Amino acid sequence: MSEWLGRPRIREEDIKKYQPTLVENFPTLTKYFVDNQKLRVTIVLDYDFGDEFVEVVKKKYGKVTPTTIHQAVDEALKKWVKEG
């Protein structure tokens, strides 16, 4: 989508300008296009550290789901960048 619009970073407003019905009728698809070129971080955790991480996520958020993992990692990265 961003390639189609000729922009390296696309926003919902950009899509709405050119395809207003897409935003109205397909909000999940719109989110996909907006998020498509955002930075992604993938890490592999050692078993022990991964187990610790899971326990901390359970303690803070009550359960471990992709959403709670994302929240925990987002919180940790924002804190780390702020301190950095």
C-alpha atoms as a PDB file:
ATOM      1  CA  MET A   1       0.000   0.000   0.000  1.00  0.00           C
ATOM      2  CA  SER A   2       2.705   2.511   0.892  1.00  0.00           C
ATOM      3  CA  GLU A   3       4.477   1.654  -2.359  1.00  0.00           C
ATOM      4  CA  TRP A   4       1.231   2.308  -4.196  1.00  0.00           C
ATOM      5  CA  LEU A   5       0.864   5.675  -2.488  1.00  0.00           C
ATOM      6  CA  GLY A   6       4.554   6.429  -3.006  1.00  0.00           C
ATOM      7  CA  ARG A   7       5.259   6.938   0.695  1.00  0.00           C
ATOM      8  CA  PRO A   8       7.777   5.197   2.949  1.00  0.00           C
ATOM      9  CA  ARG A   9       5.509   5.634   5.984  1.00  0.00           C
ATOM     10  CA  ILE A  10       1.801   5.367   5.521  1.00  0.00           C
ATOM     11  CA  ARG A  11      -0.901   6.521   7.923  1.00  0.00           C
ATOM     12  CA  GLU A  12      -4.595   5.754   8.123  1.00  0.00           C
ATOM     13  CA  GLU A  13      -5.329   9.275   6.907  1.00  0.00           C
ATOM     14  CA  ASP A  14      -3.331   8.587   3.726  1.00  0.00           C
ATOM     15  CA  ILE A  15      -5.414   5.507   2.976  1.00  0.00           C
ATOM     16  CA  LYS A  16      -8.636   7.344   3.810  1.00  0.00           C
ATOM     17  CA  LYS A  17      -7.775  10.058   1.294  1.00  0.00           C
ATOM     18  CA  TYR A  18      -7.411   7.600  -1.594  1.00  0.00           C
ATOM     19  CA  GLN A  19      -9.590   4.656  -0.488  1.00  0.00           C
ATOM     20  CA  PRO A  20     -12.146   5.902   2.082  1.00  0.00           C
ATOM     21  CA  THR A  21     -14.288   2.770   1.803  1.00  0.00           C
ATOM     22  CA  LEU A  22     -11.293   0.564   2.656  1.00  0.00           C
ATOM     23  CA  VAL A  23     -10.925   2.312   6.012  1.00  0.00           C
ATOM     24  CA  GLU A  24     -14.663   2.154   6.689  1.00  0.00           C
ATOM     25  CA  ASN A  25     -15.302  -1.430   5.594  1.00  0.00           C
ATOM     26  CA  PHE A  26     -11.983  -3.147   6.312  1.00  0.00           C
ATOM     27  CA  PRO A  27     -10.391  -1.678   9.462  1.00  0.00           C
ATOM     28  CA  THR A  28      -8.224  -4.771  10.034  1.00  0.00           C
ATOM     29  CA  LEU A  29      -6.854  -4.594   6.495  1.00  0.00           C
ATOM     30  CA  THR A  30      -6.216  -0.877   6.968  1.00  0.00           C
ATOM     31  CA  LYS A  31      -4.260  -1.643  10.159  1.00  0.00           C
ATOM     32  CA  TYR A  32      -2.267  -4.262   8.241  1.00  0.00           C
ATOM     33  CA  PHE A  33      -1.257  -1.701   5.602  1.00  0.00           C
ATOM     34  CA  VAL A  34      -0.370   0.898   8.253  1.00  0.00           C
ATOM     35  CA  ASP A  35       1.712  -1.588  10.254  1.00  0.00           C
ATOM     36  CA  ASN A  36       3.237  -3.371   7.257  1.00  0.00           C
ATOM     37  CA  GLN A  37       6.490  -1.407   7.052  1.00  0.00           C
ATOM     38  CA  LYS A  38       6.995  -0.678  10.736  1.00  0.00           C
ATOM     39  CA  LEU A  39      10.123  -1.929  12.452  1.00  0.00           C
ATOM     40  CA  ARG A  40       9.954  -5.463  13.777  1.00  0.00           C
ATOM     41  CA  VAL A  41      12.231  -7.000  16.361  1.00  0.00           C
ATOM     42  CA  THR A  42      12.658 -10.758  16.679  1.00  0.00           C
ATOM     43  CA  ILE A  43      14.707 -12.340  19.440  1.00  0.00           C
ATOM     44  CA  VAL A  44      15.471 -15.868  20.560  1.00  0.00           C
ATOM     45  CA  LEU A  45      15.545 -16.351  24.325  1.00  0.00           C
ATOM     46  CA  ASP A  46      17.461 -19.030  26.193  1.00  0.00           C
ATOM     47  CA  TYR A  47      15.139 -21.537  27.841  1.00  0.00           C
ATOM     48  CA  ASP A  48      15.803 -20.335  31.393  1.00  0.00           C
ATOM     49  CA  PHE A  49      15.405 -16.660  30.556  1.00  0.00           C
ATOM     50  CA  GLY A  50      12.339 -17.414  28.441  1.00  0.00           C
ATOM     51  CA  ASP A  51      10.744 -19.231  31.368  1.00  0.00           C
ATOM     52  CA  GLU A  52      11.499 -16.273  33.651  1.00  0.00           C
ATOM     53  CA  PHE A  53      10.022 -13.887  31.100  1.00  0.00           C
ATOM     54  CA  VAL A  54       6.836 -15.960  30.834  1.00  0.00           C
ATOM     55  CA  GLU A  55       6.447 -15.995  34.626  1.00  0.00           C
ATOM     56  CA  VAL A  56       6.885 -12.208  34.846  1.00  0.00           C
ATOM     57  CA  VAL A  57       4.324 -11.666  32.080  1.00  0.00           C
ATOM     58  CA  LYS A  58       1.870 -13.990  33.874  1.00  0.00           C
ATOM     59  CA  LYS A  59       2.419 -12.153  37.163  1.00  0.00           C
ATOM     60  CA  LYS A  60       1.910  -8.696  35.672  1.00  0.00           C
ATOM     61  CA  TYR A  61      -0.780  -9.378  33.043  1.00  0.00           C
ATOM     62  CA  GLY A  62      -2.466 -12.507  34.419  1.00  0.00           C
ATOM     63  CA  LYS A  63      -1.819 -14.653  31.360  1.00  0.00           C
ATOM     64  CA  VAL A  64       0.589 -15.099  28.485  1.00  0.00           C
ATOM     65  CA  THR A  65      -0.834 -14.258  25.081  1.00  0.00           C
ATOM     66  CA  PRO A  66       0.651 -12.566  22.021  1.00  0.00           C
ATOM     67  CA  THR A  67      -0.983  -9.335  23.222  1.00  0.00           C
ATOM     68  CA  THR A  68       0.468  -9.480  26.754  1.00  0.00           C
ATOM     69  CA  ILE A  69       3.889 -10.441  25.394  1.00  0.00           C
ATOM     70  CA  HIS A  70       3.727  -7.457  23.043  1.00  0.00           C
ATOM     71  CA  GLN A  71       2.713  -5.168  25.924  1.00  0.00           C
ATOM     72  CA  ALA A  72       5.541  -6.422  28.136  1.00  0.00           C
ATOM     73  CA  VAL A  73       8.180  -6.065  25.436  1.00  0.00           C
ATOM     74  CA  ASP A  74       6.862  -2.656  24.361  1.00  0.00           C
ATOM     75  CA  GLU A  75       6.980  -1.432  27.971  1.00  0.00           C
ATOM     76  CA  ALA A  76      10.518  -2.759  28.490  1.00  0.00           C
ATOM     77  CA  LEU A  77      11.844  -1.276  25.237  1.00  0.00           C
ATOM     78  CA  LYS A  78      10.281   2.140  25.901  1.00  0.00           C
ATOM     79  CA  LYS A  79      11.809   2.172  29.384  1.00  0.00           C
ATOM     80  CA  TRP A  80      15.217   1.122  28.020  1.00  0.00           C
ATOM     81  CA  VAL A  81      15.174   3.750  25.249  1.00  0.00           C
ATOM     82  CA  LYS A  82      14.065   6.470  27.692  1.00  0.00           C
ATOM     83  CA  GLU A  83      16.944   5.609  30.039  1.00  0.00           C
ATOM     84  CA  GLY A  84      19.433   5.285  27.178  1.00  0.00           C
END
